[in-house]
Amino acid sequence: MDDTNKKILRLLHRDGRMSFAKIGEEIGISRVAVKKRVAKMEQDGIITGYTVISQRKDLYRIHFDIQLKNQPSQALCDFLNQSGLVTEMFLMTGNVLQVKTQAPDISELKYLADRLCKEFENELVKVTARAVKERIKDPNGGIGYEYVERRDFAGNECLPERNND
């Protein structure tokens, strides 16, 4: 992947609805060249889709860490995908399946966890669930968290010193 494609991807990550003309203007190539490059990246599987990221405050968000005995079965992955509650799923090192979920009612997520544990008990070692308390960095790259001076228990500043070379 060349630098131009990387620039296009960065802009699309920031705003998936940015027009080809605007992208071209930002990086100094024509709208048609951008369109061809995006089409090629879609064809090559580099760009696999475009999505809406909801930041609704009325949804409950739970992240599950599912410790597995082995690799996840297709049945387990299908079950989670078809629940309609899973937003992202990652296979982590150590046979851990990390599953991000959201729902308007916490009971839906509890029901999902209960069914998961009952239907796939032979594949599971442990299931840990954590509720999302606060989003600090949003998916579009912005940080919605203001700097507050942080000190440890001894009163020392916690942030590393800046190198002013």
C-alpha atoms as a PDB file:
ATOM      1  CA  MET A   1       0.000   0.000   0.000  1.00  0.00           C
ATOM      2  CA  ASP A   2       1.457   3.338  -0.996  1.00  0.00           C
ATOM      3  CA  ASP A   3       1.404   6.615   0.931  1.00  0.00           C
ATOM      4  CA  THR A   4      -1.512   7.998  -1.098  1.00  0.00           C
ATOM      5  CA  ASN A   5      -3.736   5.059  -0.165  1.00  0.00           C
ATOM      6  CA  LYS A   6      -2.688   5.445   3.478  1.00  0.00           C
ATOM      7  CA  LYS A   7      -3.718   9.114   3.351  1.00  0.00           C
ATOM      8  CA  ILE A   8      -7.078   8.176   1.816  1.00  0.00           C
ATOM      9  CA  LEU A   9      -7.668   5.593   4.550  1.00  0.00           C
ATOM     10  CA  ARG A  10      -6.780   8.087   7.286  1.00  0.00           C
ATOM     11  CA  LEU A  11      -9.323  10.558   5.907  1.00  0.00           C
ATOM     12  CA  LEU A  12     -12.013   7.869   5.572  1.00  0.00           C
ATOM     13  CA  HIS A  13     -11.353   6.716   9.148  1.00  0.00           C
ATOM     14  CA  ARG A  14     -11.908  10.277  10.285  1.00  0.00           C
ATOM     15  CA  ASP A  15     -15.050  10.721   8.152  1.00  0.00           C
ATOM     16  CA  GLY A  16     -16.402   7.703   6.253  1.00  0.00           C
ATOM     17  CA  ARG A  17     -18.804   9.973   4.357  1.00  0.00           C
ATOM     18  CA  MET A  18     -16.134  12.343   3.030  1.00  0.00           C
ATOM     19  CA  SER A  19     -16.637  12.884  -0.700  1.00  0.00           C
ATOM     20  CA  PHE A  20     -14.033  11.756  -3.210  1.00  0.00           C
ATOM     21  CA  ALA A  21     -13.714  15.382  -4.313  1.00  0.00           C
ATOM     22  CA  LYS A  22     -12.923  16.532  -0.755  1.00  0.00           C
ATOM     23  CA  ILE A  23     -10.414  13.681  -0.269  1.00  0.00           C
ATOM     24  CA  GLY A  24      -8.748  14.587  -3.562  1.00  0.00           C
ATOM     25  CA  GLU A  25      -8.579  18.230  -2.522  1.00  0.00           C
ATOM     26  CA  GLU A  26      -7.000  17.286   0.829  1.00  0.00           C
ATOM     27  CA  ILE A  27      -4.265  15.088  -0.678  1.00  0.00           C
ATOM     28  CA  GLY A  28      -3.762  16.746  -4.053  1.00  0.00           C
ATOM     29  CA  ILE A  29      -5.202  14.256  -6.549  1.00  0.00           C
ATOM     30  CA  SER A  30      -8.359  14.220  -8.674  1.00  0.00           C
ATOM     31  CA  ARG A  31     -11.771  12.978  -7.556  1.00  0.00           C
ATOM     32  CA  VAL A  32     -11.604  10.261 -10.238  1.00  0.00           C
ATOM     33  CA  ALA A  33      -8.192   9.062  -8.982  1.00  0.00           C
ATOM     34  CA  VAL A  34      -9.575   8.837  -5.433  1.00  0.00           C
ATOM     35  CA  LYS A  35     -12.615   6.899  -6.655  1.00  0.00           C
ATOM     36  CA  LYS A  36     -10.399   4.399  -8.528  1.00  0.00           C
ATOM     37  CA  ARG A  37      -8.114   3.925  -5.541  1.00  0.00           C
ATOM     38  CA  VAL A  38     -11.033   3.401  -3.124  1.00  0.00           C
ATOM     39  CA  ALA A  39     -12.666   0.916  -5.532  1.00  0.00           C
ATOM     40  CA  LYS A  40      -9.379  -1.013  -5.765  1.00  0.00           C
ATOM     41  CA  MET A  41      -8.995  -1.078  -1.973  1.00  0.00           C
ATOM     42  CA  GLU A  42     -12.578  -2.371  -1.681  1.00  0.00           C
ATOM     43  CA  GLN A  43     -11.886  -5.031  -4.323  1.00  0.00           C
ATOM     44  CA  ASP A  44      -8.670  -6.081  -2.521  1.00  0.00           C
ATOM     45  CA  GLY A  45     -10.470  -6.355   0.828  1.00  0.00           C
ATOM     46  CA  ILE A  46      -8.574  -3.470   2.434  1.00  0.00           C
ATOM     47  CA  ILE A  47     -11.825  -1.529   2.801  1.00  0.00           C
ATOM     48  CA  THR A  48     -14.492  -4.009   3.835  1.00  0.00           C
ATOM     49  CA  GLY A  49     -17.369  -1.685   4.557  1.00  0.00           C
ATOM     50  CA  TYR A  50     -18.619   1.558   5.980  1.00  0.00           C
ATOM     51  CA  THR A  51     -20.460   1.794   9.269  1.00  0.00           C
ATOM     52  CA  VAL A  52     -22.290   4.137  11.578  1.00  0.00           C
ATOM     53  CA  ILE A  53     -20.870   4.445  15.066  1.00  0.00           C
ATOM     54  CA  SER A  54     -23.601   5.187  17.558  1.00  0.00           C
ATOM     55  CA  GLN A  55     -22.767   7.103  20.686  1.00  0.00           C
ATOM     56  CA  ARG A  56     -26.199   6.794  22.214  1.00  0.00           C
ATOM     57  CA  LYS A  57     -26.130   7.299  25.935  1.00  0.00           C
ATOM     58  CA  ASP A  58     -29.258   5.198  26.490  1.00  0.00           C
ATOM     59  CA  LEU A  59     -27.498   1.916  25.611  1.00  0.00           C
ATOM     60  CA  TYR A  60     -25.854  -0.435  28.073  1.00  0.00           C
ATOM     61  CA  ARG A  61     -22.425  -1.581  26.909  1.00  0.00           C
ATOM     62  CA  ILE A  62     -20.811  -4.738  28.259  1.00  0.00           C
ATOM     63  CA  HIS A  63     -17.441  -6.175  27.192  1.00  0.00           C
ATOM     64  CA  PHE A  64     -17.091  -9.909  27.686  1.00  0.00           C
ATOM     65  CA  ASP A  65     -13.777 -11.740  27.926  1.00  0.00           C
ATOM     66  CA  ILE A  66     -14.549 -15.370  27.169  1.00  0.00           C
ATOM     67  CA  GLN A  67     -11.696 -17.707  28.134  1.00  0.00           C
ATOM     68  CA  LEU A  68     -11.938 -20.785  25.898  1.00  0.00           C
ATOM     69  CA  LYS A  69     -10.476 -24.277  26.205  1.00  0.00           C
ATOM     70  CA  ASN A  70      -9.527 -24.178  22.503  1.00  0.00           C
ATOM     71  CA  GLN A  71     -10.231 -22.034  19.448  1.00  0.00           C
ATOM     72  CA  PRO A  72     -13.859 -20.815  19.283  1.00  0.00           C
ATOM     73  CA  SER A  73     -16.261 -23.083  17.412  1.00  0.00           C
ATOM     74  CA  GLN A  74     -18.208 -21.838  14.426  1.00  0.00           C
ATOM     75  CA  ALA A  75     -21.395 -22.482  16.413  1.00  0.00           C
ATOM     76  CA  LEU A  76     -20.210 -20.161  19.195  1.00  0.00           C
ATOM     77  CA  CYS A  77     -19.277 -17.381  16.758  1.00  0.00           C
ATOM     78  CA  ASP A  78     -22.590 -17.785  14.913  1.00  0.00           C
ATOM     79  CA  PHE A  79     -24.515 -17.658  18.198  1.00  0.00           C
ATOM     80  CA  LEU A  80     -22.850 -14.387  19.181  1.00  0.00           C
ATOM     81  CA  ASN A  81     -23.180 -12.846  15.708  1.00  0.00           C
ATOM     82  CA  GLN A  82     -26.845 -13.746  15.414  1.00  0.00           C
ATOM     83  CA  SER A  83     -27.734 -12.333  18.839  1.00  0.00           C
ATOM     84  CA  GLY A  84     -28.016  -8.820  17.386  1.00  0.00           C
ATOM     85  CA  LEU A  85     -26.252  -7.485  20.484  1.00  0.00           C
ATOM     86  CA  VAL A  86     -22.611  -7.959  19.465  1.00  0.00           C
ATOM     87  CA  THR A  87     -20.897  -4.935  17.927  1.00  0.00           C
ATOM     88  CA  GLU A  88     -17.336  -6.292  17.739  1.00  0.00           C
ATOM     89  CA  MET A  89     -15.571  -9.572  18.391  1.00  0.00           C
ATOM     90  CA  PHE A  90     -11.839 -10.284  18.615  1.00  0.00           C
ATOM     91  CA  LEU A  91      -9.832 -13.475  19.117  1.00  0.00           C
ATOM     92  CA  MET A  92      -7.069 -12.537  21.531  1.00  0.00           C
ATOM     93  CA  THR A  93      -3.933 -14.377  22.577  1.00  0.00           C
ATOM     94  CA  GLY A  94      -4.437 -17.100  25.168  1.00  0.00           C
ATOM     95  CA  ASN A  95      -7.692 -18.380  23.591  1.00  0.00           C
ATOM     96  CA  VAL A  96      -9.702 -15.388  24.779  1.00  0.00           C
ATOM     97  CA  LEU A  97     -12.640 -14.186  22.734  1.00  0.00           C
ATOM     98  CA  GLN A  98     -13.300 -10.509  23.476  1.00  0.00           C
ATOM     99  CA  VAL A  99     -16.881  -9.560  22.687  1.00  0.00           C
ATOM    100  CA  LYS A 100     -18.290  -6.031  22.791  1.00  0.00           C
ATOM    101  CA  THR A 101     -22.045  -5.800  23.187  1.00  0.00           C
ATOM    102  CA  GLN A 102     -24.707  -3.155  23.574  1.00  0.00           C
ATOM    103  CA  ALA A 103     -28.445  -3.137  24.225  1.00  0.00           C
ATOM    104  CA  PRO A 104     -31.142  -0.726  25.414  1.00  0.00           C
ATOM    105  CA  ASP A 105     -32.017  -3.052  28.298  1.00  0.00           C
ATOM    106  CA  ILE A 106     -29.408  -4.660  30.566  1.00  0.00           C
ATOM    107  CA  SER A 107     -31.588  -7.767  30.911  1.00  0.00           C
ATOM    108  CA  GLU A 108     -30.923  -8.584  27.242  1.00  0.00           C
ATOM    109  CA  LEU A 109     -27.192  -8.709  27.919  1.00  0.00           C
ATOM    110  CA  LYS A 110     -27.699 -10.807  31.038  1.00  0.00           C
ATOM    111  CA  TYR A 111     -29.843 -13.232  29.028  1.00  0.00           C
ATOM    112  CA  LEU A 112     -27.115 -13.423  26.352  1.00  0.00           C
ATOM    113  CA  ALA A 113     -24.503 -14.251  29.022  1.00  0.00           C
ATOM    114  CA  ASP A 114     -26.743 -16.889  30.626  1.00  0.00           C
ATOM    115  CA  ARG A 115     -27.451 -18.595  27.288  1.00  0.00           C
ATOM    116  CA  LEU A 116     -23.782 -18.437  26.332  1.00  0.00           C
ATOM    117  CA  CYS A 117     -22.731 -20.175  29.558  1.00  0.00           C
ATOM    118  CA  LYS A 118     -25.426 -22.862  29.276  1.00  0.00           C
ATOM    119  CA  GLU A 119     -25.178 -23.655  25.568  1.00  0.00           C
ATOM    120  CA  PHE A 120     -21.390 -23.584  25.309  1.00  0.00           C
ATOM    121  CA  GLU A 121     -20.291 -24.728  28.770  1.00  0.00           C
ATOM    122  CA  ASN A 122     -18.086 -27.453  27.238  1.00  0.00           C
ATOM    123  CA  GLU A 123     -16.026 -24.834  25.356  1.00  0.00           C
ATOM    124  CA  LEU A 124     -15.679 -22.275  28.145  1.00  0.00           C
ATOM    125  CA  VAL A 125     -13.159 -21.907  30.934  1.00  0.00           C
ATOM    126  CA  LYS A 126     -14.417 -18.584  32.294  1.00  0.00           C
ATOM    127  CA  VAL A 127     -16.570 -15.631  31.229  1.00  0.00           C
ATOM    128  CA  THR A 128     -15.831 -12.163  32.590  1.00  0.00           C
ATOM    129  CA  ALA A 129     -18.161  -9.230  31.945  1.00  0.00           C
ATOM    130  CA  ARG A 130     -17.343  -5.571  32.462  1.00  0.00           C
ATOM    131  CA  ALA A 131     -19.688  -2.639  32.008  1.00  0.00           C
ATOM    132  CA  VAL A 132     -18.387   0.384  30.126  1.00  0.00           C
ATOM    133  CA  LYS A 133     -18.320   3.218  32.622  1.00  0.00           C
ATOM    134  CA  GLU A 134     -17.198   6.043  30.346  1.00  0.00           C
ATOM    135  CA  ARG A 135     -15.821   6.455  26.822  1.00  0.00           C
ATOM    136  CA  ILE A 136     -12.591   8.416  26.934  1.00  0.00           C
ATOM    137  CA  LYS A 137     -11.480   8.200  23.300  1.00  0.00           C
ATOM    138  CA  ASP A 138     -14.141   8.180  20.628  1.00  0.00           C
ATOM    139  CA  PRO A 139     -13.941   6.035  17.457  1.00  0.00           C
ATOM    140  CA  ASN A 140     -13.295   9.064  15.271  1.00  0.00           C
ATOM    141  CA  GLY A 141     -10.016   9.828  16.986  1.00  0.00           C
ATOM    142  CA  GLY A 142     -11.095  12.660  19.261  1.00  0.00           C
ATOM    143  CA  ILE A 143     -10.517  12.517  22.963  1.00  0.00           C
ATOM    144  CA  GLY A 144     -13.420  13.615  25.101  1.00  0.00           C
ATOM    145  CA  TYR A 145     -11.473  13.798  28.309  1.00  0.00           C
ATOM    146  CA  GLU A 146      -9.998  17.029  29.594  1.00  0.00           C
ATOM    147  CA  TYR A 147      -6.569  17.068  31.170  1.00  0.00           C
ATOM    148  CA  VAL A 148      -6.746  17.145  34.922  1.00  0.00           C
ATOM    149  CA  GLU A 149      -3.574  17.306  36.961  1.00  0.00           C
ATOM    150  CA  ARG A 150      -3.020  13.799  38.244  1.00  0.00           C
ATOM    151  CA  ARG A 151      -1.020  12.981  41.337  1.00  0.00           C
ATOM    152  CA  ASP A 152      -0.227   9.699  43.031  1.00  0.00           C
ATOM    153  CA  PHE A 153      -0.899   8.993  46.708  1.00  0.00           C
ATOM    154  CA  ALA A 154       2.358  10.713  47.694  1.00  0.00           C
ATOM    155  CA  GLY A 155       1.361  13.877  45.820  1.00  0.00           C
ATOM    156  CA  ASN A 156       3.779  13.386  42.922  1.00  0.00           C
ATOM    157  CA  GLU A 157       2.670  14.246  39.404  1.00  0.00           C
ATOM    158  CA  CYS A 158       1.789  11.026  37.531  1.00  0.00           C
ATOM    159  CA  LEU A 159       2.476  12.155  33.984  1.00  0.00           C
ATOM    160  CA  PRO A 160       5.933  11.664  32.494  1.00  0.00           C
ATOM    161  CA  GLU A 161       8.132  14.707  32.116  1.00  0.00           C
ATOM    162  CA  ARG A 162       8.320  16.243  28.652  1.00  0.00           C
ATOM    163  CA  ASN A 163      11.630  16.236  26.852  1.00  0.00           C
ATOM    164  CA  ASN A 164      12.194  19.797  25.607  1.00  0.00           C
ATOM    165  CA  ASP A 165      15.175  19.043  23.329  1.00  0.00           C
END
